[in-house]
Amino acid sequence: MLISPADPEFDAQAAFLAPDAPRFINVADDADSLWWSIATIIGHWHLHGYGLFAVLERSTGQTVGLVGPWFPKGWPEPELSWHLMETGEGKGYASEAAQCVLDWLFTVAGWDSIVSYVPEENKASIALARRVGAQPERTVSFRLQPAPNIRAWRHLPSARGGHTRDARGLLH
């Protein structure tokens, strides 16, 4: 299930900030930096009306990651971003959530395109981008992502190849 971390029914403190909460891969160990990151994600929802969804495991309700549209100030265009916690890796959560978010963006929100920015060495994210129908484009570098090896992967409704599903039951 996907839920906005800004939803009053979602406990972002317990899911992300509690000392015993599962951690994201490559997350800073600094509790202050983590707090600012989560506050930014919640604030994005309030500023844009959309953002990263918390991905909840259906059987346990445990938060296993974040997937969704992301467009902070300084980004060249909106991005479909995904971040899994170590406990959520390799179980298909990211691809199911990404497909659901793409369906929502293209059929309900009316978007006609979105990119994912993926480092060239991140083979798992490249495989996920391909799995959900994205096509590689140019390498990009911008102030908030200054690495020379980030590639834009383009998601288009026409490239979905019949993957469209009813997202209403998965979004909260």
N, C-alpha and C. Protein backbone atom coordinates (compact mmCIF):
# COMPACT_ATOMS: atom_id res chain seq x y z
N MET A 1 0.85 -1.17 0.00
CA MET A 1 0.00 0.00 0.00
C MET A 1 0.89 1.23 0.00
N LEU A 2 0.41 2.30 -0.63
CA LEU A 2 1.13 3.56 -0.68
C LEU A 2 0.35 4.60 0.10
N ILE A 3 1.05 5.39 0.91
CA ILE A 3 0.42 6.44 1.69
C ILE A 3 1.36 7.64 1.74
N SER A 4 0.78 8.82 1.72
CA SER A 4 1.61 10.02 1.85
C SER A 4 2.17 10.09 3.27
N PRO A 5 3.47 10.35 3.41
CA PRO A 5 4.03 10.54 4.75
C PRO A 5 3.44 11.76 5.46
N ALA A 6 2.76 12.64 4.70
CA ALA A 6 2.11 13.81 5.30
C ALA A 6 0.70 13.49 5.80
N ASP A 7 0.19 12.30 5.51
CA ASP A 7 -1.15 11.89 5.93
C ASP A 7 -1.18 11.80 7.46
N PRO A 8 -2.18 12.40 8.09
CA PRO A 8 -2.25 12.34 9.57
C PRO A 8 -2.36 10.91 10.12
N GLU A 9 -2.80 9.96 9.28
CA GLU A 9 -2.91 8.58 9.75
C GLU A 9 -1.57 7.85 9.71
N PHE A 10 -0.56 8.46 9.10
CA PHE A 10 0.75 7.82 8.98
C PHE A 10 1.68 8.39 10.05
N ASP A 11 2.36 7.53 10.77
CA ASP A 11 3.29 7.95 11.83
C ASP A 11 4.71 7.98 11.27
N ALA A 12 5.08 9.11 10.67
CA ALA A 12 6.42 9.24 10.07
C ALA A 12 7.51 9.12 11.14
N GLN A 13 7.22 9.59 12.33
CA GLN A 13 8.19 9.49 13.43
C GLN A 13 8.55 8.03 13.69
N ALA A 14 7.55 7.17 13.81
CA ALA A 14 7.81 5.75 14.08
C ALA A 14 8.42 5.06 12.87
N ALA A 15 7.94 5.42 11.67
CA ALA A 15 8.40 4.72 10.46
C ALA A 15 9.84 5.05 10.09
N PHE A 16 10.25 6.30 10.30
CA PHE A 16 11.55 6.73 9.79
C PHE A 16 12.54 7.21 10.84
N LEU A 17 12.04 7.79 11.93
CA LEU A 17 12.93 8.49 12.85
C LEU A 17 13.18 7.79 14.17
N ALA A 18 12.38 6.80 14.51
CA ALA A 18 12.60 6.09 15.77
C ALA A 18 13.95 5.37 15.72
N PRO A 19 14.64 5.28 16.86
CA PRO A 19 15.96 4.63 16.86
C PRO A 19 15.95 3.20 16.31
N ASP A 20 14.84 2.48 16.46
CA ASP A 20 14.79 1.09 15.99
C ASP A 20 14.14 0.96 14.61
N ALA A 21 13.82 2.10 13.94
CA ALA A 21 13.20 2.03 12.62
C ALA A 21 14.21 1.50 11.61
N PRO A 22 13.74 0.71 10.64
CA PRO A 22 14.65 0.25 9.58
C PRO A 22 15.23 1.45 8.85
N ARG A 23 16.42 1.31 8.35
CA ARG A 23 17.11 2.40 7.65
C ARG A 23 17.14 2.16 6.15
N PHE A 24 17.16 3.27 5.43
CA PHE A 24 17.32 3.19 3.98
C PHE A 24 18.76 2.86 3.67
N ILE A 25 18.94 2.22 2.54
CA ILE A 25 20.29 1.97 2.04
C ILE A 25 20.91 3.33 1.74
N ASN A 26 22.13 3.53 2.12
CA ASN A 26 22.88 4.76 1.89
C ASN A 26 22.35 5.96 2.67
N VAL A 27 21.54 5.75 3.69
CA VAL A 27 21.05 6.88 4.48
C VAL A 27 22.16 7.35 5.42
N ALA A 28 22.16 8.63 5.69
CA ALA A 28 23.14 9.16 6.64
C ALA A 28 22.83 8.60 8.03
N ASP A 29 23.87 8.28 8.76
CA ASP A 29 23.69 7.79 10.13
C ASP A 29 23.35 8.91 11.10
N ASP A 30 23.48 10.13 10.67
CA ASP A 30 23.24 11.30 11.49
C ASP A 30 21.74 11.51 11.67
N ALA A 31 21.26 11.43 12.90
CA ALA A 31 19.83 11.56 13.18
C ALA A 31 19.28 12.93 12.76
N ASP A 32 20.09 13.97 12.88
CA ASP A 32 19.63 15.31 12.48
C ASP A 32 19.42 15.39 10.97
N SER A 33 20.33 14.83 10.19
CA SER A 33 20.19 14.83 8.73
C SER A 33 18.98 14.03 8.30
N LEU A 34 18.76 12.89 8.96
CA LEU A 34 17.59 12.07 8.65
C LEU A 34 16.31 12.85 8.93
N TRP A 35 16.25 13.56 10.06
CA TRP A 35 15.07 14.36 10.40
C TRP A 35 14.80 15.38 9.31
N TRP A 36 15.83 16.09 8.86
CA TRP A 36 15.67 17.10 7.81
C TRP A 36 15.19 16.46 6.51
N SER A 37 15.69 15.29 6.18
CA SER A 37 15.26 14.60 4.96
C SER A 37 13.78 14.27 5.02
N ILE A 38 13.33 13.71 6.13
CA ILE A 38 11.91 13.33 6.27
C ILE A 38 11.03 14.59 6.28
N ALA A 39 11.48 15.65 6.96
CA ALA A 39 10.71 16.90 6.98
C ALA A 39 10.59 17.47 5.57
N THR A 40 11.63 17.35 4.76
CA THR A 40 11.61 17.82 3.38
C THR A 40 10.60 17.01 2.56
N ILE A 41 10.58 15.70 2.76
CA ILE A 41 9.64 14.84 2.03
C ILE A 41 8.20 15.21 2.38
N ILE A 42 7.93 15.41 3.66
CA ILE A 42 6.58 15.80 4.09
C ILE A 42 6.24 17.19 3.56
N GLY A 43 7.19 18.12 3.64
CA GLY A 43 6.97 19.47 3.13
C GLY A 43 6.69 19.51 1.64
N HIS A 44 7.34 18.61 0.89
CA HIS A 44 7.12 18.53 -0.57
C HIS A 44 5.64 18.27 -0.85
N TRP A 45 5.02 17.40 -0.08
CA TRP A 45 3.59 17.13 -0.24
C TRP A 45 2.77 18.41 -0.04
N HIS A 46 3.11 19.17 0.98
CA HIS A 46 2.35 20.39 1.27
C HIS A 46 2.57 21.46 0.21
N LEU A 47 3.76 21.54 -0.36
CA LEU A 47 4.06 22.56 -1.36
C LEU A 47 3.55 22.20 -2.76
N HIS A 48 3.62 20.91 -3.13
CA HIS A 48 3.25 20.49 -4.48
C HIS A 48 1.93 19.74 -4.57
N GLY A 49 1.47 19.17 -3.47
CA GLY A 49 0.26 18.35 -3.51
C GLY A 49 0.54 16.92 -3.93
N TYR A 50 1.80 16.57 -4.09
CA TYR A 50 2.23 15.22 -4.41
C TYR A 50 3.65 15.05 -3.87
N GLY A 51 4.12 13.83 -3.88
CA GLY A 51 5.48 13.58 -3.42
C GLY A 51 5.74 12.09 -3.27
N LEU A 52 6.79 11.79 -2.54
CA LEU A 52 7.14 10.39 -2.30
C LEU A 52 6.10 9.76 -1.38
N PHE A 53 5.63 8.58 -1.77
CA PHE A 53 4.72 7.79 -0.95
C PHE A 53 5.53 6.86 -0.06
N ALA A 54 5.08 6.66 1.16
CA ALA A 54 5.63 5.59 1.98
C ALA A 54 5.06 4.29 1.44
N VAL A 55 5.91 3.30 1.23
CA VAL A 55 5.49 1.99 0.74
C VAL A 55 5.35 1.09 1.95
N LEU A 56 4.13 0.59 2.17
CA LEU A 56 3.85 -0.27 3.32
C LEU A 56 3.66 -1.70 2.86
N GLU A 57 4.26 -2.62 3.56
CA GLU A 57 4.04 -4.04 3.30
C GLU A 57 2.62 -4.36 3.73
N ARG A 58 1.85 -4.95 2.83
CA ARG A 58 0.43 -5.20 3.12
C ARG A 58 0.21 -6.11 4.32
N SER A 59 0.98 -7.17 4.43
CA SER A 59 0.72 -8.16 5.48
C SER A 59 1.08 -7.66 6.87
N THR A 60 2.08 -6.77 6.98
CA THR A 60 2.54 -6.33 8.30
C THR A 60 2.29 -4.86 8.58
N GLY A 61 2.08 -4.06 7.54
CA GLY A 61 1.96 -2.62 7.71
C GLY A 61 3.29 -1.92 7.90
N GLN A 62 4.38 -2.68 7.84
CA GLN A 62 5.72 -2.13 8.03
C GLN A 62 6.11 -1.28 6.82
N THR A 63 6.71 -0.13 7.09
CA THR A 63 7.21 0.72 6.01
C THR A 63 8.47 0.10 5.44
N VAL A 64 8.51 -0.06 4.11
CA VAL A 64 9.66 -0.69 3.46
C VAL A 64 10.36 0.23 2.46
N GLY A 65 9.83 1.44 2.26
CA GLY A 65 10.49 2.34 1.34
C GLY A 65 9.68 3.57 1.02
N LEU A 66 10.19 4.33 0.06
CA LEU A 66 9.54 5.53 -0.46
C LEU A 66 9.61 5.46 -1.99
N VAL A 67 8.48 5.72 -2.65
CA VAL A 67 8.43 5.75 -4.11
C VAL A 67 7.44 6.84 -4.50
N GLY A 68 7.83 7.66 -5.46
CA GLY A 68 6.87 8.65 -5.94
C GLY A 68 7.49 9.77 -6.71
N PRO A 69 6.64 10.73 -7.13
CA PRO A 69 7.14 11.88 -7.88
C PRO A 69 7.84 12.85 -6.93
N TRP A 70 8.94 13.41 -7.43
CA TRP A 70 9.80 14.26 -6.61
C TRP A 70 10.26 15.41 -7.49
N PHE A 71 10.02 16.64 -7.05
CA PHE A 71 10.40 17.80 -7.86
C PHE A 71 10.78 18.96 -6.96
N PRO A 72 11.88 18.80 -6.22
CA PRO A 72 12.32 19.91 -5.36
C PRO A 72 12.91 21.05 -6.19
N LYS A 73 12.97 22.21 -5.58
CA LYS A 73 13.58 23.37 -6.24
C LYS A 73 15.00 22.99 -6.66
N GLY A 74 15.35 23.30 -7.90
CA GLY A 74 16.67 22.99 -8.43
C GLY A 74 16.72 21.76 -9.31
N TRP A 75 15.65 20.95 -9.31
CA TRP A 75 15.58 19.78 -10.20
C TRP A 75 15.17 20.27 -11.58
N PRO A 76 15.73 19.71 -12.66
CA PRO A 76 15.36 20.16 -14.00
C PRO A 76 13.92 19.83 -14.39
N GLU A 77 13.40 18.72 -13.91
CA GLU A 77 12.01 18.34 -14.18
C GLU A 77 11.59 17.30 -13.15
N PRO A 78 10.30 17.01 -13.04
CA PRO A 78 9.85 16.03 -12.05
C PRO A 78 10.48 14.66 -12.27
N GLU A 79 10.76 14.02 -11.15
CA GLU A 79 11.41 12.70 -11.16
C GLU A 79 10.52 11.68 -10.47
N LEU A 80 10.47 10.47 -11.01
CA LEU A 80 9.93 9.33 -10.28
C LEU A 80 11.11 8.73 -9.54
N SER A 81 11.04 8.79 -8.23
CA SER A 81 12.16 8.37 -7.39
C SER A 81 11.75 7.16 -6.56
N TRP A 82 12.73 6.33 -6.22
CA TRP A 82 12.46 5.18 -5.35
C TRP A 82 13.63 4.97 -4.41
N HIS A 83 13.29 4.62 -3.18
CA HIS A 83 14.28 4.37 -2.13
C HIS A 83 13.72 3.26 -1.25
N LEU A 84 14.42 2.15 -1.19
CA LEU A 84 13.95 1.05 -0.34
C LEU A 84 14.80 0.93 0.90
N MET A 85 14.16 0.45 1.95
CA MET A 85 14.89 0.10 3.14
C MET A 85 15.51 -1.29 2.90
N GLU A 86 16.53 -1.60 3.63
CA GLU A 86 17.19 -2.90 3.44
C GLU A 86 16.20 -4.04 3.58
N THR A 87 15.21 -3.91 4.47
CA THR A 87 14.22 -4.97 4.68
C THR A 87 13.27 -5.14 3.50
N GLY A 88 13.21 -4.15 2.60
CA GLY A 88 12.30 -4.23 1.47
C GLY A 88 12.94 -4.59 0.15
N GLU A 89 14.23 -4.80 0.13
CA GLU A 89 14.92 -5.11 -1.12
C GLU A 89 14.60 -6.50 -1.65
N GLY A 90 14.54 -6.62 -2.97
CA GLY A 90 14.44 -7.91 -3.63
C GLY A 90 13.09 -8.60 -3.51
N LYS A 91 12.05 -7.87 -3.15
CA LYS A 91 10.73 -8.48 -2.96
C LYS A 91 9.69 -7.96 -3.95
N GLY A 92 10.12 -7.13 -4.89
CA GLY A 92 9.20 -6.60 -5.89
C GLY A 92 8.42 -5.37 -5.46
N TYR A 93 8.68 -4.87 -4.25
CA TYR A 93 7.93 -3.71 -3.75
C TYR A 93 8.16 -2.48 -4.61
N ALA A 94 9.41 -2.22 -5.00
CA ALA A 94 9.72 -1.01 -5.76
C ALA A 94 9.05 -1.02 -7.12
N SER A 95 9.08 -2.15 -7.82
CA SER A 95 8.46 -2.18 -9.15
C SER A 95 6.94 -2.08 -9.06
N GLU A 96 6.34 -2.75 -8.09
CA GLU A 96 4.88 -2.65 -7.94
C GLU A 96 4.48 -1.22 -7.58
N ALA A 97 5.21 -0.61 -6.66
CA ALA A 97 4.90 0.77 -6.26
C ALA A 97 5.14 1.73 -7.41
N ALA A 98 6.26 1.58 -8.13
CA ALA A 98 6.55 2.47 -9.26
C ALA A 98 5.48 2.35 -10.34
N GLN A 99 5.05 1.14 -10.64
CA GLN A 99 3.99 0.95 -11.64
C GLN A 99 2.70 1.61 -11.19
N CYS A 100 2.37 1.47 -9.93
CA CYS A 100 1.15 2.07 -9.39
C CYS A 100 1.23 3.60 -9.47
N VAL A 101 2.37 4.17 -9.08
CA VAL A 101 2.54 5.62 -9.13
C VAL A 101 2.48 6.12 -10.58
N LEU A 102 3.13 5.41 -11.50
CA LEU A 102 3.06 5.81 -12.91
C LEU A 102 1.63 5.77 -13.42
N ASP A 103 0.89 4.74 -13.07
CA ASP A 103 -0.51 4.65 -13.48
C ASP A 103 -1.30 5.85 -12.95
N TRP A 104 -1.08 6.18 -11.69
CA TRP A 104 -1.75 7.32 -11.07
C TRP A 104 -1.37 8.63 -11.76
N LEU A 105 -0.07 8.83 -12.01
CA LEU A 105 0.39 10.07 -12.64
C LEU A 105 -0.19 10.23 -14.05
N PHE A 106 -0.21 9.14 -14.83
CA PHE A 106 -0.62 9.22 -16.22
C PHE A 106 -2.14 9.19 -16.40
N THR A 107 -2.85 8.43 -15.59
CA THR A 107 -4.30 8.30 -15.80
C THR A 107 -5.13 9.24 -14.93
N VAL A 108 -4.70 9.52 -13.72
CA VAL A 108 -5.48 10.36 -12.81
C VAL A 108 -4.96 11.80 -12.81
N ALA A 109 -3.66 11.96 -12.62
CA ALA A 109 -3.07 13.30 -12.53
C ALA A 109 -2.86 13.95 -13.91
N GLY A 110 -2.89 13.15 -14.98
CA GLY A 110 -2.81 13.69 -16.33
C GLY A 110 -1.41 14.08 -16.79
N TRP A 111 -0.38 13.57 -16.15
CA TRP A 111 0.98 13.87 -16.59
C TRP A 111 1.24 13.14 -17.91
N ASP A 112 2.14 13.69 -18.72
CA ASP A 112 2.47 13.02 -19.98
C ASP A 112 3.91 12.53 -20.03
N SER A 113 4.69 12.77 -18.96
CA SER A 113 6.08 12.34 -18.94
C SER A 113 6.65 12.56 -17.54
N ILE A 114 7.62 11.75 -17.18
CA ILE A 114 8.39 11.92 -15.95
C ILE A 114 9.70 11.16 -16.15
N VAL A 115 10.75 11.61 -15.50
CA VAL A 115 12.04 10.93 -15.61
C VAL A 115 12.43 10.32 -14.27
N SER A 116 13.35 9.39 -14.32
CA SER A 116 14.05 8.90 -13.13
C SER A 116 15.53 9.18 -13.36
N TYR A 117 16.18 9.77 -12.38
CA TYR A 117 17.62 10.05 -12.47
C TYR A 117 18.36 8.91 -11.78
N VAL A 118 19.15 8.16 -12.56
CA VAL A 118 19.78 6.95 -12.04
C VAL A 118 21.29 7.00 -12.31
N PRO A 119 22.10 6.83 -11.26
CA PRO A 119 23.55 6.72 -11.49
C PRO A 119 23.85 5.50 -12.36
N GLU A 120 24.80 5.65 -13.28
CA GLU A 120 25.15 4.58 -14.22
C GLU A 120 25.60 3.30 -13.52
N GLU A 121 26.16 3.41 -12.32
CA GLU A 121 26.63 2.21 -11.62
C GLU A 121 25.54 1.51 -10.80
N ASN A 122 24.35 2.10 -10.72
CA ASN A 122 23.27 1.51 -9.93
C ASN A 122 22.48 0.53 -10.79
N LYS A 123 23.00 -0.66 -10.92
CA LYS A 123 22.42 -1.68 -11.81
C LYS A 123 21.00 -2.07 -11.40
N ALA A 124 20.74 -2.13 -10.09
CA ALA A 124 19.39 -2.50 -9.63
C ALA A 124 18.36 -1.45 -10.05
N SER A 125 18.70 -0.16 -9.92
CA SER A 125 17.77 0.89 -10.33
C SER A 125 17.62 0.95 -11.85
N ILE A 126 18.67 0.66 -12.58
CA ILE A 126 18.56 0.60 -14.04
C ILE A 126 17.62 -0.53 -14.44
N ALA A 127 17.76 -1.68 -13.79
CA ALA A 127 16.87 -2.81 -14.08
C ALA A 127 15.42 -2.46 -13.75
N LEU A 128 15.21 -1.75 -12.65
CA LEU A 128 13.86 -1.34 -12.28
C LEU A 128 13.30 -0.36 -13.30
N ALA A 129 14.10 0.62 -13.72
CA ALA A 129 13.65 1.59 -14.72
C ALA A 129 13.22 0.86 -15.99
N ARG A 130 14.01 -0.10 -16.43
CA ARG A 130 13.65 -0.88 -17.63
C ARG A 130 12.37 -1.69 -17.39
N ARG A 131 12.25 -2.29 -16.21
CA ARG A 131 11.10 -3.15 -15.88
C ARG A 131 9.79 -2.36 -15.95
N VAL A 132 9.83 -1.08 -15.59
CA VAL A 132 8.59 -0.29 -15.61
C VAL A 132 8.46 0.53 -16.89
N GLY A 133 9.28 0.21 -17.91
CA GLY A 133 9.10 0.77 -19.24
C GLY A 133 9.86 2.04 -19.56
N ALA A 134 10.77 2.49 -18.71
CA ALA A 134 11.52 3.72 -18.99
C ALA A 134 12.59 3.48 -20.05
N GLN A 135 12.91 4.53 -20.78
CA GLN A 135 13.94 4.49 -21.82
C GLN A 135 15.08 5.44 -21.44
N PRO A 136 16.33 5.00 -21.65
CA PRO A 136 17.46 5.86 -21.29
C PRO A 136 17.56 7.07 -22.22
N GLU A 137 17.95 8.18 -21.62
CA GLU A 137 18.19 9.41 -22.38
C GLU A 137 19.59 9.92 -22.09
N ARG A 138 19.73 11.18 -21.98
CA ARG A 138 21.02 11.84 -21.79
C ARG A 138 21.53 11.69 -20.35
N THR A 139 22.82 11.88 -20.19
CA THR A 139 23.34 12.03 -18.83
C THR A 139 23.09 13.47 -18.41
N VAL A 140 22.88 13.66 -17.13
CA VAL A 140 22.56 14.99 -16.60
C VAL A 140 23.45 15.30 -15.42
N SER A 141 23.62 16.56 -15.19
CA SER A 141 24.30 17.04 -14.00
C SER A 141 23.66 18.38 -13.65
N PHE A 142 23.19 18.50 -12.44
CA PHE A 142 22.63 19.77 -12.00
C PHE A 142 23.09 20.01 -10.57
N ARG A 143 22.92 21.22 -10.13
CA ARG A 143 23.52 21.65 -8.87
C ARG A 143 23.28 20.70 -7.71
N LEU A 144 22.09 20.17 -7.58
CA LEU A 144 21.78 19.28 -6.46
C LEU A 144 22.15 17.83 -6.73
N GLN A 145 22.53 17.50 -7.95
CA GLN A 145 23.00 16.17 -8.35
C GLN A 145 24.21 16.37 -9.25
N PRO A 146 25.33 16.83 -8.72
CA PRO A 146 26.44 17.23 -9.60
C PRO A 146 27.28 16.08 -10.18
N ALA A 147 26.92 14.84 -9.94
CA ALA A 147 27.72 13.72 -10.46
C ALA A 147 27.63 13.65 -11.99
N PRO A 148 28.72 13.33 -12.66
CA PRO A 148 28.72 13.28 -14.13
C PRO A 148 28.13 11.99 -14.68
N ASN A 149 27.72 11.06 -13.84
CA ASN A 149 27.27 9.75 -14.31
C ASN A 149 25.80 9.47 -14.04
N ILE A 150 24.98 10.51 -13.93
CA ILE A 150 23.55 10.34 -13.70
C ILE A 150 22.86 10.36 -15.06
N ARG A 151 22.05 9.34 -15.33
CA ARG A 151 21.31 9.28 -16.59
C ARG A 151 19.83 9.48 -16.32
N ALA A 152 19.19 10.25 -17.20
CA ALA A 152 17.74 10.41 -17.15
C ALA A 152 17.10 9.22 -17.87
N TRP A 153 16.12 8.62 -17.23
CA TRP A 153 15.33 7.53 -17.81
C TRP A 153 13.90 8.04 -17.95
N ARG A 154 13.38 8.08 -19.16
CA ARG A 154 12.08 8.68 -19.46
C ARG A 154 10.96 7.66 -19.37
N HIS A 155 9.91 8.03 -18.60
CA HIS A 155 8.68 7.24 -18.49
C HIS A 155 7.60 7.97 -19.29
N LEU A 156 6.94 7.26 -20.19
CA LEU A 156 5.86 7.81 -21.00
C LEU A 156 4.65 6.89 -20.90
N PRO A 157 3.45 7.45 -20.97
CA PRO A 157 2.26 6.59 -20.90
C PRO A 157 2.24 5.55 -22.01
N SER A 158 2.66 5.92 -23.21
CA SER A 158 2.61 4.99 -24.34
C SER A 158 3.59 3.83 -24.18
N ALA A 159 4.63 4.01 -23.34
CA ALA A 159 5.62 2.95 -23.13
C ALA A 159 5.18 1.96 -22.06
N ARG A 160 4.02 2.17 -21.48
CA ARG A 160 3.55 1.33 -20.38
C ARG A 160 3.16 -0.05 -20.87
N GLY A 161 2.87 -0.19 -22.15
CA GLY A 161 2.60 -1.50 -22.71
C GLY A 161 1.50 -2.28 -22.02
N GLY A 162 0.40 -1.61 -21.70
CA GLY A 162 -0.72 -2.31 -21.10
C GLY A 162 -0.56 -2.60 -19.62
N HIS A 163 0.42 -1.99 -18.97
CA HIS A 163 0.62 -2.21 -17.54
C HIS A 163 -0.34 -1.42 -16.67
N THR A 164 -1.16 -0.57 -17.27
CA THR A 164 -2.04 0.29 -16.48
C THR A 164 -3.00 -0.57 -15.64
N ARG A 165 -3.06 -0.23 -14.34
CA ARG A 165 -3.97 -0.90 -13.41
C ARG A 165 -4.73 0.17 -12.66
N ASP A 166 -5.73 -0.24 -11.97
CA ASP A 166 -6.48 0.69 -11.15
C ASP A 166 -5.69 0.95 -9.88
N ALA A 167 -5.17 2.14 -9.75
CA ALA A 167 -4.32 2.49 -8.60
C ALA A 167 -5.12 2.87 -7.37
N ARG A 168 -6.42 3.06 -7.50
CA ARG A 168 -7.19 3.60 -6.38
C ARG A 168 -7.12 2.73 -5.13
N GLY A 169 -7.09 1.45 -5.26
CA GLY A 169 -7.05 0.59 -4.08
C GLY A 169 -5.70 0.54 -3.39
N LEU A 170 -4.65 1.01 -4.04
CA LEU A 170 -3.31 0.96 -3.46
C LEU A 170 -2.88 2.30 -2.90
N LEU A 171 -3.48 3.39 -3.35
CA LEU A 171 -3.10 4.72 -2.88
C LEU A 171 -3.99 5.11 -1.71
N HIS A 172 -3.38 5.71 -0.72
CA HIS A 172 -4.15 6.17 0.46
C HIS A 172 -3.85 7.62 0.69
